[in-house]
Amino acid sequence: MTKVGNIFSLFYATVNGSALTLELVVDKKGIVKDKHYNKSIERSVLISSLESYALAEKHGIAVPYGVLGENVLIDYNPYHLKTGDRLKIANVILEISQHCTLCKSFTKIDAKLPKLLKDDRGIFAKVIKSGCIKEGDDIYLLD
């Protein structure tokens, strides 16, 4: 088990968009209170990196945290992780299930954004072990 980073911010999806929260309660059906709860287990949690926002800003696109649709924003770049890799956050274990696909709705923010973040928007994970994730928690990559 190797420490790789920390939780920067947490969000859950509502019918009105993304809501910032200090903690997420997760179980094998996904994020409790999230509008996607129990809909697609393989896509239960979207993890994004601060590096995605830095990449956008480097290209003159400043957007607020949460706009990429992430649930978990971290200070570690996880985009090299493969399907099946596992992260431990507090007592929660997440398993990488797939890389996030290109989202054309980002053209509403900036026409360049979808192509720019094609491989750097986020990764989906499913919940292996239920629990609570809090802002500031350490993130470990399991061996």
Protein backbone atom coordinates (compact mmCIF):
# COMPACT_ATOMS: atom_id res chain seq x y z
CA MET A 1 0.00 0.00 0.00
CA THR A 2 1.49 3.32 -1.12
CA LYS A 3 0.24 6.78 -0.19
CA VAL A 4 -0.32 8.73 -3.41
CA GLY A 5 -2.29 11.84 -2.43
CA ASN A 6 -5.21 13.44 -0.64
CA ILE A 7 -8.86 14.24 -1.17
CA PHE A 8 -9.16 17.90 -2.20
CA SER A 9 -12.94 18.26 -2.63
CA LEU A 10 -16.05 16.09 -2.73
CA PHE A 11 -19.26 16.45 -4.74
CA TYR A 12 -22.46 14.56 -5.39
CA ALA A 13 -24.79 14.95 -8.35
CA THR A 14 -28.25 16.46 -7.87
CA VAL A 15 -30.98 17.20 -10.39
CA ASN A 16 -29.73 20.81 -10.35
CA GLY A 17 -26.04 20.03 -10.89
CA SER A 18 -23.14 19.32 -8.58
CA ALA A 19 -23.23 19.89 -4.80
CA LEU A 20 -20.09 20.41 -2.72
CA THR A 21 -19.92 18.35 0.47
CA LEU A 22 -17.39 17.63 3.22
CA GLU A 23 -18.02 13.88 3.12
CA LEU A 24 -19.45 11.18 0.89
CA VAL A 25 -21.10 8.05 2.22
CA VAL A 26 -20.59 5.21 -0.27
CA ASP A 27 -21.81 1.65 -0.49
CA LYS A 28 -21.80 -1.00 -3.20
CA LYS A 29 -24.62 0.83 -5.02
CA GLY A 30 -22.61 4.06 -5.23
CA ILE A 31 -22.75 7.42 -3.50
CA VAL A 32 -25.66 7.80 -1.11
CA LYS A 33 -27.64 11.00 -1.98
CA ASP A 34 -26.21 11.09 -5.53
CA LYS A 35 -28.75 11.16 -8.36
CA HIS A 36 -26.86 8.29 -10.03
CA TYR A 37 -27.08 6.05 -6.94
CA ASN A 38 -27.77 2.40 -7.87
CA LYS A 39 -27.86 3.14 -11.61
CA SER A 40 -24.49 1.99 -12.97
CA ILE A 41 -22.34 0.21 -10.40
CA GLU A 42 -19.27 0.31 -12.68
CA ARG A 43 -19.56 4.12 -12.87
CA SER A 44 -20.45 4.76 -9.21
CA VAL A 45 -17.67 7.24 -8.43
CA LEU A 46 -15.98 9.68 -10.83
CA ILE A 47 -12.49 10.65 -9.71
CA SER A 48 -10.77 13.69 -11.22
CA SER A 49 -7.43 15.32 -10.59
CA LEU A 50 -6.55 18.93 -9.86
CA GLU A 51 -4.25 18.50 -12.88
CA SER A 52 -7.35 18.46 -15.14
CA TYR A 53 -8.28 21.94 -13.94
CA ALA A 54 -4.66 23.11 -14.25
CA LEU A 55 -4.56 21.82 -17.84
CA ALA A 56 -7.73 23.72 -18.71
CA GLU A 57 -6.43 26.88 -17.04
CA LYS A 58 -3.11 26.56 -18.89
CA HIS A 59 -5.17 26.83 -22.08
CA GLY A 60 -7.08 29.88 -20.86
CA ILE A 61 -10.16 28.02 -19.62
CA ALA A 62 -10.86 28.78 -15.97
CA VAL A 63 -13.68 26.67 -14.53
CA PRO A 64 -14.81 26.12 -10.94
CA TYR A 65 -14.12 22.82 -9.20
CA GLY A 66 -16.93 20.32 -9.67
CA VAL A 67 -17.84 21.41 -13.20
CA LEU A 68 -16.20 18.31 -14.70
CA GLY A 69 -18.83 16.20 -12.95
CA GLU A 70 -16.42 14.57 -10.55
CA ASN A 71 -17.43 13.19 -7.19
CA VAL A 72 -13.91 13.04 -5.82
CA LEU A 73 -11.31 15.69 -6.69
CA ILE A 74 -7.80 14.68 -5.70
CA ASP A 75 -4.29 16.14 -5.71
CA TYR A 76 -2.90 13.05 -7.48
CA ASN A 77 -3.06 12.24 -11.18
CA PRO A 78 -4.79 8.82 -11.42
CA TYR A 79 -5.20 8.69 -15.19
CA HIS A 80 -2.44 6.12 -15.63
CA LEU A 81 -4.28 3.61 -13.43
CA LYS A 82 -5.69 0.52 -15.10
CA THR A 83 -9.01 -1.27 -14.75
CA GLY A 84 -8.83 -3.36 -11.60
CA ASP A 85 -6.38 -1.12 -9.73
CA ARG A 86 -7.63 -0.28 -6.24
CA LEU A 87 -7.52 2.84 -4.11
CA LYS A 88 -8.04 2.94 -0.34
CA ILE A 89 -9.47 6.14 1.13
CA ALA A 90 -10.16 6.00 4.88
CA ASN A 91 -12.04 2.69 5.26
CA VAL A 92 -13.35 2.75 1.65
CA ILE A 93 -11.90 0.67 -1.18
CA LEU A 94 -12.57 1.75 -4.76
CA GLU A 95 -11.72 -0.29 -7.85
CA ILE A 96 -10.98 1.47 -11.14
CA SER A 97 -13.59 0.30 -13.64
CA GLN A 98 -13.04 2.51 -16.70
CA HIS A 99 -11.63 5.76 -17.96
CA CYS A 100 -14.11 8.55 -18.46
CA THR A 101 -15.27 9.14 -22.00
CA LEU A 102 -15.24 12.44 -23.86
CA CYS A 103 -18.14 14.66 -22.82
CA LYS A 104 -19.39 16.94 -25.60
CA SER A 105 -21.50 18.95 -23.15
CA PHE A 106 -18.27 20.70 -22.14
CA THR A 107 -18.48 22.68 -25.39
CA LYS A 108 -21.01 24.86 -23.51
CA ILE A 109 -18.10 25.94 -21.30
CA ASP A 110 -15.52 26.21 -24.07
CA ALA A 111 -15.36 24.61 -27.53
CA LYS A 112 -11.78 23.42 -26.85
CA LEU A 113 -12.51 21.75 -23.50
CA PRO A 114 -13.80 18.30 -24.64
CA LYS A 115 -10.81 17.63 -26.87
CA LEU A 116 -8.36 19.13 -24.36
CA LEU A 117 -9.56 16.86 -21.52
CA LYS A 118 -10.17 13.80 -23.70
CA ASP A 119 -7.76 11.64 -21.68
CA ASP A 120 -7.58 13.84 -18.59
CA ARG A 121 -11.13 14.30 -17.32
CA GLY A 122 -11.42 11.43 -14.88
CA ILE A 123 -11.74 7.76 -14.11
CA PHE A 124 -14.69 5.78 -12.88
CA ALA A 125 -14.55 3.44 -9.92
CA LYS A 126 -16.91 1.01 -8.28
CA VAL A 127 -17.18 0.62 -4.52
CA ILE A 128 -15.62 -2.58 -3.18
CA LYS A 129 -15.78 -1.67 0.52
CA SER A 130 -18.41 0.75 1.85
CA GLY A 131 -17.71 3.65 4.18
CA CYS A 132 -17.23 7.39 4.38
CA ILE A 133 -14.80 9.56 2.43
CA LYS A 134 -13.95 12.98 3.86
CA GLU A 135 -12.19 16.03 2.50
CA GLY A 136 -8.48 15.79 3.38
CA ASP A 137 -8.41 11.98 3.62
CA ASP A 138 -5.24 10.24 2.47
CA ILE A 139 -5.37 8.14 -0.71
CA TYR A 140 -3.46 4.87 -0.96
CA LEU A 141 -2.80 2.74 -4.03
CA LEU A 142 -3.19 -0.90 -3.04
CA ASP A 143 -0.56 -3.36 -4.27
